[in-house]
Amino acid sequence: MAIAIAFFGRAPMWLPAFLLSCGRNPDVQWFLYTDFEAPAPFPPNVTLRRMPLSEFSQRASDALGTRIEIQPNFAKKIIDLKPAFGLIFEDDLRGFDFWAHSDLDIVWGDVRHFMTDELLARYDMLSSRPGRTSGHFNLFRNTPVMNRTFELIPDARQAMSNPEYLHLDERELTRHLKQHLSLAPVDAPRVYWPSNLTTDASCQRALSDGQSLWWRGGKTFGADGHEFMYLHFHKLKNDSMTINFGFDDRPAAFGVDRRGFSA
């Protein structure tokens, strides 16, 4: 299983926590496409592919057969291209049975505890959110057909070349995928999306003073102790966050709240 992330800009302050959590999942491989330099050695299962944003745009253009030009002041547009990562990063993802697109504002728990061999054998697409595709973890069987699932969106390539952010990865792909599944075609993908496998926005907003999300020994938990596959802290990161451990530290546990990351 491989997970692809495209991130351009300064390395985030929580990168030590991200890498520590990746390293505890040795049977998952991450590919990080970015323009920042590695501030420290990465775990062996995290591959850094340094490139300027212009090279990413060219790769996407070549893979999709249309002009893609991501602007530095609106890199958010990359989100629309996530469902096409199977084509854009085909060289790296070749050889993996499954690939997923994801984000960098994540602390990973025990991925394979949730993505079991049984589920992977039964399904072609697995999402971390109930009843819809997920921008921060959507897993695809690595086949030519599944790698073109985004083509269910009408004029998908034209939409990806549009400089505006069009919510292709979640809203639009979910809508057209559900329409496709409702027709019950013979070639319909087998989709798994029954439950929330991560911290949603309401979970983060409900955190009160003294409450934290937790990473402990390779697993992630909500403030109530419920285990998640990963912590997505997108609603916390805009506060003034700090971290009290670095790349060389290996804390047994750390909490995540509005103040930051505390070992």
Protein backbone atom coordinates (compact mmCIF):
# COMPACT_ATOMS: atom_id res chain seq x y z
CA MET A 1 0.00 0.00 0.00
CA ALA A 2 1.32 3.43 -0.94
CA ILE A 3 0.11 6.89 0.12
CA ALA A 4 0.88 9.92 -2.07
CA ILE A 5 0.97 13.49 -0.75
CA ALA A 6 1.69 16.66 -2.72
CA PHE A 7 2.58 19.66 -0.54
CA PHE A 8 4.33 22.85 -1.58
CA GLY A 9 5.59 25.49 0.80
CA ARG A 10 7.53 25.63 4.05
CA ALA A 11 7.89 22.39 6.00
CA PRO A 12 5.21 22.44 8.73
CA MET A 13 6.23 22.58 12.39
CA TRP A 14 4.43 19.29 13.10
CA LEU A 15 6.58 17.34 10.61
CA PRO A 16 8.40 15.43 13.41
CA ALA A 17 5.03 14.08 14.61
CA PHE A 18 3.95 13.16 11.09
CA LEU A 19 7.19 11.27 10.36
CA LEU A 20 7.19 9.51 13.72
CA SER A 21 3.67 8.22 13.05
CA CYS A 22 4.59 7.10 9.52
CA GLY A 23 7.60 5.19 10.82
CA ARG A 24 5.37 3.04 13.03
CA ASN A 25 3.62 1.72 9.89
CA PRO A 26 6.48 -0.19 8.21
CA ASP A 27 4.20 -1.99 5.74
CA VAL A 28 2.86 1.29 4.31
CA GLN A 29 4.96 3.42 1.94
CA TRP A 30 4.57 7.19 1.74
CA PHE A 31 5.63 9.36 -1.20
CA LEU A 32 5.89 13.06 -0.41
CA TYR A 33 6.12 15.40 -3.42
CA THR A 34 7.28 18.79 -2.23
CA ASP A 35 9.66 21.69 -2.73
CA PHE A 36 11.03 21.85 0.82
CA GLU A 37 14.29 20.17 1.77
CA ALA A 38 14.30 17.29 4.23
CA PRO A 39 15.18 18.89 7.60
CA ALA A 40 16.26 15.48 8.96
CA PRO A 41 16.54 11.87 7.77
CA PHE A 42 13.14 10.42 6.91
CA PRO A 43 11.96 6.95 7.99
CA PRO A 44 12.74 4.31 5.36
CA ASN A 45 9.05 4.05 4.42
CA VAL A 46 8.77 7.78 3.59
CA THR A 47 10.23 8.78 0.22
CA LEU A 48 10.82 12.47 -0.45
CA ARG A 49 10.49 13.52 -4.08
CA ARG A 50 11.69 17.13 -4.27
CA MET A 51 10.40 19.17 -7.16
CA PRO A 52 9.29 22.74 -7.83
CA LEU A 53 5.61 23.38 -8.25
CA SER A 54 6.18 23.93 -11.98
CA GLU A 55 7.45 20.35 -12.32
CA PHE A 56 4.36 19.03 -10.57
CA SER A 57 2.21 21.02 -13.01
CA GLN A 58 4.13 19.57 -15.94
CA ARG A 59 3.77 16.02 -14.62
CA ALA A 60 0.04 16.52 -14.22
CA SER A 61 -0.23 18.02 -17.71
CA ASP A 62 1.63 15.09 -19.27
CA ALA A 63 -0.41 12.48 -17.38
CA LEU A 64 -3.79 14.05 -18.09
CA GLY A 65 -3.17 15.30 -21.61
CA THR A 66 -4.28 18.83 -20.79
CA ARG A 67 -2.58 21.98 -19.57
CA ILE A 68 -2.33 22.11 -15.78
CA GLU A 69 -0.73 25.18 -14.25
CA ILE A 70 -0.90 25.40 -10.46
CA GLN A 71 -0.24 28.92 -9.22
CA PRO A 72 2.02 29.37 -6.16
CA ASN A 73 -0.54 31.68 -4.56
CA PHE A 74 -3.30 29.07 -5.01
CA ALA A 75 -1.72 25.67 -4.48
CA LYS A 76 -5.07 24.58 -3.04
CA LYS A 77 -5.98 23.66 -6.62
CA ILE A 78 -3.81 20.55 -6.18
CA ILE A 79 -6.69 19.10 -4.15
CA ASP A 80 -8.76 18.79 -7.32
CA LEU A 81 -6.04 16.63 -8.85
CA LYS A 82 -5.81 14.09 -6.02
CA PRO A 83 -8.08 11.46 -7.66
CA ALA A 84 -5.68 11.48 -10.63
CA PHE A 85 -2.54 10.81 -8.57
CA GLY A 86 -2.62 7.21 -9.78
CA LEU A 87 -1.76 8.56 -13.23
CA ILE A 88 0.35 11.56 -12.22
CA PHE A 89 2.64 9.50 -9.98
CA GLU A 90 2.29 6.23 -11.86
CA ASP A 91 6.05 5.58 -11.93
CA ASP A 92 6.30 5.54 -8.13
CA LEU A 93 3.02 3.76 -7.50
CA ARG A 94 3.62 0.97 -9.96
CA GLY A 95 4.09 -2.30 -8.08
CA PHE A 96 1.71 -1.44 -5.23
CA ASP A 97 -1.66 -3.19 -5.08
CA PHE A 98 -3.33 -0.08 -3.62
CA TRP A 99 -2.56 3.63 -3.46
CA ALA A 100 -4.19 6.49 -1.59
CA HIS A 101 -4.02 10.26 -1.74
CA SER A 102 -3.72 12.16 1.50
CA ASP A 103 -2.56 15.34 3.29
CA LEU A 104 0.31 16.43 5.51
CA ASP A 105 -1.81 17.74 8.43
CA ILE A 106 -2.19 14.21 9.76
CA VAL A 107 -0.86 11.97 12.52
CA TRP A 108 -1.15 8.34 11.50
CA GLY A 109 -2.35 5.54 13.73
CA ASP A 110 -2.28 1.83 12.97
CA VAL A 111 -3.26 1.95 9.30
CA ARG A 112 -3.29 -1.81 8.66
CA HIS A 113 -5.43 -2.43 11.74
CA PHE A 114 -8.19 -0.69 9.77
CA MET A 115 -7.15 -1.49 6.20
CA THR A 116 -7.09 -5.24 6.72
CA ASP A 117 -6.21 -7.90 4.16
CA GLU A 118 -9.86 -8.99 4.21
CA LEU A 119 -11.13 -5.53 3.29
CA LEU A 120 -8.51 -5.06 0.61
CA ALA A 121 -9.48 -8.37 -0.96
CA ARG A 122 -13.19 -7.44 -1.02
CA TYR A 123 -13.14 -3.78 -2.13
CA ASP A 124 -11.69 -1.62 -4.91
CA MET A 125 -12.05 1.73 -3.16
CA LEU A 126 -11.98 2.50 0.56
CA SER A 127 -12.72 5.90 2.09
CA SER A 128 -12.16 7.14 5.63
CA ARG A 129 -15.49 9.01 5.65
CA PRO A 130 -18.98 7.50 5.70
CA GLY A 131 -20.84 7.58 2.41
CA ARG A 132 -18.42 9.84 0.54
CA THR A 133 -14.94 10.02 -0.80
CA SER A 134 -12.28 11.56 1.41
CA GLY A 135 -9.62 14.01 0.33
CA HIS A 136 -7.33 13.04 3.21
CA PHE A 137 -7.55 9.27 2.70
CA ASN A 138 -9.12 7.61 -0.28
CA LEU A 139 -7.64 4.25 -1.22
CA PHE A 140 -7.83 2.85 -4.77
CA ARG A 141 -7.01 -0.57 -6.12
CA ASN A 142 -4.07 0.10 -8.41
CA THR A 143 -5.59 -0.93 -11.73
CA PRO A 144 -6.04 1.03 -14.99
CA VAL A 145 -9.81 1.15 -14.47
CA MET A 146 -9.71 2.34 -10.85
CA ASN A 147 -6.98 4.87 -11.58
CA ARG A 148 -9.44 6.55 -13.93
CA THR A 149 -12.36 6.65 -11.53
CA PHE A 150 -12.13 10.45 -11.68
CA GLU A 151 -13.41 10.21 -15.27
CA LEU A 152 -16.88 9.58 -13.83
CA ILE A 153 -16.89 13.37 -13.35
CA PRO A 154 -18.08 14.89 -16.66
CA ASP A 155 -15.27 16.77 -18.43
CA ALA A 156 -12.97 15.88 -15.54
CA ARG A 157 -9.76 16.90 -17.29
CA GLN A 158 -11.20 20.27 -18.27
CA ALA A 159 -12.28 20.79 -14.64
CA MET A 160 -8.79 19.88 -13.43
CA SER A 161 -7.27 22.45 -15.79
CA ASN A 162 -9.65 25.15 -14.51
CA PRO A 163 -7.66 27.35 -12.09
CA GLU A 164 -10.59 27.51 -9.67
CA TYR A 165 -10.98 24.95 -6.87
CA LEU A 166 -14.01 22.83 -7.80
CA HIS A 167 -14.18 20.24 -4.97
CA LEU A 168 -13.49 17.39 -7.39
CA ASP A 169 -11.89 15.05 -4.85
CA GLU A 170 -14.85 14.89 -2.47
CA ARG A 171 -18.10 16.56 -3.50
CA GLU A 172 -18.00 15.97 -7.24
CA LEU A 173 -16.45 12.50 -7.23
CA THR A 174 -18.87 11.37 -4.53
CA ARG A 175 -21.88 12.68 -6.45
CA HIS A 176 -20.99 11.05 -9.74
CA LEU A 177 -19.73 7.85 -8.15
CA LYS A 178 -23.06 7.41 -6.35
CA GLN A 179 -24.92 8.01 -9.59
CA HIS A 180 -22.76 5.38 -11.27
CA LEU A 181 -23.30 2.86 -8.45
CA SER A 182 -27.07 3.43 -8.53
CA LEU A 183 -27.13 2.11 -12.10
CA ALA A 184 -25.50 -1.13 -10.88
CA PRO A 185 -23.27 -1.62 -13.91
CA VAL A 186 -21.31 -4.85 -14.18
CA ASP A 187 -18.03 -2.97 -13.86
CA ALA A 188 -19.06 -0.92 -10.80
CA PRO A 189 -16.25 -0.58 -8.24
CA ARG A 190 -16.78 -2.21 -4.88
CA VAL A 191 -16.75 0.72 -2.45
CA TYR A 192 -16.18 0.63 1.32
CA TRP A 193 -17.26 3.76 3.23
CA PRO A 194 -19.40 2.76 6.24
CA SER A 195 -17.80 4.77 9.04
CA ASN A 196 -15.63 7.70 10.05
CA LEU A 197 -12.03 6.53 10.46
CA THR A 198 -10.63 9.90 11.48
CA THR A 199 -11.33 13.04 13.48
CA ASP A 200 -13.92 15.20 11.76
CA ALA A 201 -14.39 18.95 12.12
CA SER A 202 -17.00 18.68 14.88
CA CYS A 203 -14.71 16.43 16.92
CA GLN A 204 -11.97 19.05 16.80
CA ARG A 205 -14.23 22.02 17.50
CA ALA A 206 -15.63 20.21 20.55
CA LEU A 207 -12.22 19.94 22.22
CA SER A 208 -12.27 21.92 25.44
CA ASP A 209 -9.31 23.16 27.46
CA GLY A 210 -7.44 20.21 28.89
CA GLN A 211 -8.65 17.79 26.20
CA SER A 212 -6.36 16.34 23.57
CA LEU A 213 -6.29 13.97 20.67
CA TRP A 214 -3.64 11.30 21.26
CA TRP A 215 -0.98 9.26 19.54
CA ARG A 216 0.21 6.40 21.75
CA GLY A 217 2.57 3.64 20.68
CA GLY A 218 1.58 3.80 17.03
CA LYS A 219 -2.18 4.19 17.57
CA THR A 220 -4.35 7.32 17.48
CA PHE A 221 -7.29 8.18 19.72
CA GLY A 222 -9.93 10.85 20.11
CA ALA A 223 -10.38 12.73 23.37
CA ASP A 224 -12.90 10.08 24.47
CA GLY A 225 -10.46 7.22 23.87
CA HIS A 226 -12.03 6.04 20.60
CA GLU A 227 -9.36 4.65 18.28
CA PHE A 228 -9.06 6.18 14.81
CA MET A 229 -6.96 5.20 11.84
CA TYR A 230 -5.44 8.70 11.90
CA LEU A 231 -5.88 12.17 13.34
CA HIS A 232 -6.73 14.87 10.83
CA PHE A 233 -6.19 18.13 12.72
CA HIS A 234 -7.12 20.57 9.95
CA LYS A 235 -9.36 22.61 12.27
CA LEU A 236 -6.65 22.93 14.92
CA LYS A 237 -3.62 23.85 12.85
CA ASN A 238 -4.61 27.48 12.29
CA ASP A 239 -4.27 28.23 15.99
CA SER A 240 -0.91 29.09 17.51
CA MET A 241 0.56 25.59 17.61
CA THR A 242 3.95 24.53 18.94
CA ILE A 243 5.74 21.22 19.34
CA ASN A 244 7.99 20.16 22.23
CA PHE A 245 9.86 17.33 20.51
CA GLY A 246 12.05 17.11 17.43
CA PHE A 247 13.09 14.76 14.65
CA ASP A 248 15.57 12.87 16.84
CA ASP A 249 13.07 12.25 19.66
CA ARG A 250 10.95 9.13 19.95
CA PRO A 251 8.22 9.88 22.50
CA ALA A 252 6.02 6.96 23.51
CA ALA A 253 2.99 9.24 23.33
CA PHE A 254 1.99 12.80 22.48
CA GLY A 255 -1.17 14.85 22.59
CA VAL A 256 -2.58 17.21 19.97
CA ASP A 257 -4.72 20.19 20.93
CA ARG A 258 -5.10 23.85 20.02
CA ARG A 259 -1.78 24.65 21.68
CA GLY A 260 0.10 22.11 19.61
CA PHE A 261 1.92 18.83 20.11
CA SER A 262 3.10 17.79 23.57
CA ALA A 263 5.10 14.65 24.28
